[in-house]
């Protein structure tokens, strides 16, 4: 597993991160866990034809928050 990210919107390319900290309440962590489980299932079902998915929070107030994207390494 590798983790990539951008520090701001002006960054052209993501950089490999060595640490990630999630600041979230239990409800949000469960929402993220459900998203990750869904991505894992789709990867297993579709193989390398499944490339990536963006997490869309159910909370409208967080639409300006950071992007959370899962990418399938087999799709490279």
N, C-alpha and C. Protein backbone atom coordinates (compact mmCIF):
# COMPACT_ATOMS: atom_id res chain seq x y z
N UNK A 1 0.84 -1.17 0.00
CA UNK A 1 0.00 0.00 0.00
C UNK A 1 0.89 1.24 0.00
N UNK A 2 0.50 2.19 -0.80
CA UNK A 2 1.15 3.49 -0.82
C UNK A 2 0.07 4.54 -0.64
N UNK A 3 0.42 5.65 -0.05
CA UNK A 3 -0.51 6.74 0.16
C UNK A 3 0.07 7.99 -0.50
N UNK A 4 -0.74 8.62 -1.33
CA UNK A 4 -0.31 9.84 -2.01
C UNK A 4 -1.26 10.98 -1.62
N UNK A 5 -0.78 12.19 -1.72
CA UNK A 5 -1.62 13.33 -1.43
C UNK A 5 -1.00 14.62 -1.92
N UNK A 6 -1.82 15.65 -1.90
CA UNK A 6 -1.37 17.00 -2.25
C UNK A 6 -1.50 17.87 -1.01
N UNK A 7 -0.62 18.82 -0.87
CA UNK A 7 -0.71 19.70 0.29
C UNK A 7 -1.56 20.93 0.00
N UNK A 8 -1.80 21.24 -1.27
CA UNK A 8 -2.69 22.33 -1.63
C UNK A 8 -3.14 22.14 -3.07
N UNK A 9 -4.09 22.95 -3.49
CA UNK A 9 -4.65 22.79 -4.83
C UNK A 9 -3.69 23.22 -5.93
N UNK A 10 -2.67 24.00 -5.60
CA UNK A 10 -1.71 24.41 -6.61
C UNK A 10 -0.72 23.30 -6.97
N UNK A 11 -0.63 22.27 -6.14
CA UNK A 11 0.28 21.16 -6.43
C UNK A 11 -0.15 20.48 -7.73
N UNK A 12 0.80 20.28 -8.61
CA UNK A 12 0.48 19.62 -9.88
C UNK A 12 0.35 18.11 -9.73
N UNK A 13 1.23 17.52 -8.93
CA UNK A 13 1.24 16.07 -8.80
C UNK A 13 1.18 15.69 -7.34
N UNK A 14 0.53 14.58 -7.05
CA UNK A 14 0.53 14.09 -5.68
C UNK A 14 1.93 13.61 -5.27
N UNK A 15 2.23 13.71 -4.00
CA UNK A 15 3.49 13.22 -3.45
C UNK A 15 3.19 12.04 -2.53
N UNK A 16 4.14 11.12 -2.44
CA UNK A 16 3.95 9.99 -1.53
C UNK A 16 4.03 10.49 -0.09
N UNK A 17 3.04 10.11 0.71
CA UNK A 17 2.98 10.51 2.10
C UNK A 17 3.49 9.38 2.99
N UNK A 18 4.11 9.73 4.10
CA UNK A 18 4.60 8.72 5.03
C UNK A 18 3.68 8.57 6.23
N UNK A 19 2.74 9.48 6.37
CA UNK A 19 1.81 9.43 7.50
C UNK A 19 0.52 10.14 7.12
N UNK A 20 -0.60 9.62 7.63
CA UNK A 20 -1.90 10.24 7.43
C UNK A 20 -2.62 10.25 8.77
N UNK A 21 -3.25 11.35 9.09
CA UNK A 21 -4.04 11.46 10.32
C UNK A 21 -5.47 11.81 9.94
N UNK A 22 -6.42 11.01 10.36
CA UNK A 22 -7.83 11.31 10.15
C UNK A 22 -8.39 11.92 11.42
N UNK A 23 -8.99 13.07 11.31
CA UNK A 23 -9.68 13.69 12.43
C UNK A 23 -11.16 13.58 12.11
N UNK A 24 -11.83 12.61 12.73
CA UNK A 24 -13.22 12.32 12.37
C UNK A 24 -13.94 11.68 13.56
N UNK A 25 -15.25 11.92 13.62
CA UNK A 25 -16.05 11.29 14.67
C UNK A 25 -16.40 9.86 14.25
N UNK A 26 -16.94 9.05 15.16
CA UNK A 26 -17.25 7.65 14.84
C UNK A 26 -18.18 7.50 13.63
N UNK A 27 -19.14 8.40 13.48
CA UNK A 27 -20.07 8.33 12.36
C UNK A 27 -19.33 8.49 11.03
N UNK A 28 -18.44 9.45 10.96
CA UNK A 28 -17.67 9.68 9.73
C UNK A 28 -16.72 8.51 9.45
N UNK A 29 -16.10 7.97 10.50
CA UNK A 29 -15.22 6.81 10.30
C UNK A 29 -15.99 5.62 9.76
N UNK A 30 -17.21 5.42 10.23
CA UNK A 30 -18.03 4.32 9.70
C UNK A 30 -18.42 4.58 8.25
N UNK A 31 -18.68 5.84 7.91
CA UNK A 31 -19.01 6.20 6.53
C UNK A 31 -17.81 5.90 5.62
N UNK A 32 -16.62 6.26 6.06
CA UNK A 32 -15.40 5.99 5.29
C UNK A 32 -15.16 4.49 5.19
N UNK A 33 -15.38 3.76 6.28
CA UNK A 33 -15.20 2.31 6.26
C UNK A 33 -16.14 1.66 5.25
N UNK A 34 -17.38 2.13 5.19
CA UNK A 34 -18.34 1.61 4.21
C UNK A 34 -17.88 1.88 2.79
N UNK A 35 -17.35 3.07 2.56
CA UNK A 35 -16.82 3.44 1.25
C UNK A 35 -15.66 2.53 0.87
N UNK A 36 -14.74 2.30 1.79
CA UNK A 36 -13.59 1.43 1.51
C UNK A 36 -14.03 -0.01 1.23
N UNK A 37 -15.00 -0.51 1.99
CA UNK A 37 -15.52 -1.86 1.74
C UNK A 37 -16.15 -1.96 0.36
N UNK A 38 -16.89 -0.91 -0.02
CA UNK A 38 -17.51 -0.88 -1.34
C UNK A 38 -16.46 -0.89 -2.45
N UNK A 39 -15.40 -0.11 -2.27
CA UNK A 39 -14.31 -0.07 -3.25
C UNK A 39 -13.64 -1.44 -3.37
N UNK A 40 -13.39 -2.08 -2.24
CA UNK A 40 -12.75 -3.40 -2.25
C UNK A 40 -13.62 -4.41 -3.00
N UNK A 41 -14.93 -4.37 -2.77
CA UNK A 41 -15.83 -5.29 -3.45
C UNK A 41 -15.83 -5.05 -4.95
N UNK A 42 -15.87 -3.77 -5.36
CA UNK A 42 -15.86 -3.46 -6.78
C UNK A 42 -14.55 -3.87 -7.44
N UNK A 43 -13.42 -3.70 -6.74
CA UNK A 43 -12.14 -4.15 -7.28
C UNK A 43 -12.15 -5.65 -7.52
N UNK A 44 -12.68 -6.40 -6.54
CA UNK A 44 -12.74 -7.86 -6.68
C UNK A 44 -13.67 -8.25 -7.82
N UNK A 45 -14.79 -7.56 -7.94
CA UNK A 45 -15.77 -7.91 -8.96
C UNK A 45 -15.32 -7.53 -10.38
N UNK A 46 -14.68 -6.36 -10.52
CA UNK A 46 -14.36 -5.83 -11.85
C UNK A 46 -12.89 -5.93 -12.23
N UNK A 47 -12.04 -6.31 -11.30
CA UNK A 47 -10.61 -6.47 -11.59
C UNK A 47 -9.98 -5.17 -12.04
N UNK A 48 -9.06 -5.27 -13.01
CA UNK A 48 -8.31 -4.08 -13.42
C UNK A 48 -9.13 -3.11 -14.26
N UNK A 49 -10.40 -3.44 -14.55
CA UNK A 49 -11.25 -2.48 -15.26
C UNK A 49 -11.81 -1.42 -14.30
N UNK A 50 -11.74 -1.69 -13.00
CA UNK A 50 -12.14 -0.69 -12.00
C UNK A 50 -10.91 0.12 -11.65
N UNK A 51 -10.94 1.43 -11.93
CA UNK A 51 -9.75 2.25 -11.73
C UNK A 51 -9.75 3.01 -10.41
N UNK A 52 -10.77 3.84 -10.16
CA UNK A 52 -10.76 4.64 -8.94
C UNK A 52 -12.17 5.12 -8.59
N UNK A 53 -12.29 5.60 -7.36
CA UNK A 53 -13.57 6.14 -6.88
C UNK A 53 -13.28 7.28 -5.91
N UNK A 54 -14.12 8.30 -5.96
CA UNK A 54 -14.01 9.44 -5.05
C UNK A 54 -15.03 9.28 -3.93
N UNK A 55 -14.59 9.49 -2.69
CA UNK A 55 -15.50 9.47 -1.55
C UNK A 55 -16.33 10.74 -1.57
N UNK A 56 -17.63 10.58 -1.55
CA UNK A 56 -18.54 11.71 -1.48
C UNK A 56 -19.27 11.63 -0.13
N UNK A 57 -18.97 12.58 0.73
CA UNK A 57 -19.60 12.58 2.04
C UNK A 57 -21.09 12.84 1.91
N UNK A 58 -21.86 12.23 2.78
CA UNK A 58 -23.30 12.48 2.82
C UNK A 58 -23.60 13.84 3.46
N UNK A 59 -22.59 14.41 4.10
CA UNK A 59 -22.76 15.69 4.79
C UNK A 59 -22.48 16.83 3.80
N UNK A 60 -23.51 17.57 3.45
CA UNK A 60 -23.39 18.67 2.48
C UNK A 60 -22.37 19.72 2.91
N UNK A 61 -22.20 19.92 4.21
CA UNK A 61 -21.29 20.95 4.72
C UNK A 61 -19.83 20.62 4.46
N UNK A 62 -19.52 19.39 4.08
CA UNK A 62 -18.14 18.98 3.89
C UNK A 62 -17.74 18.95 2.42
N UNK A 63 -18.57 19.51 1.54
CA UNK A 63 -18.26 19.46 0.12
C UNK A 63 -16.98 20.22 -0.22
N UNK A 64 -16.56 21.14 0.63
CA UNK A 64 -15.34 21.89 0.36
C UNK A 64 -14.12 21.24 1.03
N UNK A 65 -14.30 20.09 1.63
CA UNK A 65 -13.21 19.42 2.33
C UNK A 65 -12.25 18.75 1.37
N UNK A 66 -11.26 18.04 1.90
CA UNK A 66 -10.27 17.38 1.05
C UNK A 66 -10.88 16.23 0.25
N UNK A 67 -10.31 15.96 -0.90
CA UNK A 67 -10.71 14.82 -1.72
C UNK A 67 -10.15 13.54 -1.09
N UNK A 68 -10.93 12.48 -1.13
CA UNK A 68 -10.47 11.17 -0.66
C UNK A 68 -10.74 10.20 -1.81
N UNK A 69 -9.67 9.69 -2.41
CA UNK A 69 -9.78 8.87 -3.62
C UNK A 69 -9.10 7.53 -3.39
N UNK A 70 -9.78 6.45 -3.81
CA UNK A 70 -9.18 5.12 -3.78
C UNK A 70 -8.83 4.76 -5.21
N UNK A 71 -7.61 4.30 -5.44
CA UNK A 71 -7.13 3.94 -6.77
C UNK A 71 -6.69 2.48 -6.78
N UNK A 72 -7.07 1.76 -7.82
CA UNK A 72 -6.74 0.35 -7.96
C UNK A 72 -5.34 0.19 -8.57
N UNK A 73 -4.37 -0.38 -7.86
CA UNK A 73 -3.03 -0.53 -8.41
C UNK A 73 -2.98 -1.46 -9.63
N UNK A 74 -3.97 -2.33 -9.77
CA UNK A 74 -4.00 -3.25 -10.91
C UNK A 74 -4.42 -2.54 -12.18
N UNK A 75 -4.96 -1.34 -12.07
CA UNK A 75 -5.45 -0.60 -13.24
C UNK A 75 -4.32 0.17 -13.94
N UNK A 76 -3.14 0.17 -13.34
CA UNK A 76 -2.02 0.91 -13.94
C UNK A 76 -1.51 0.27 -15.21
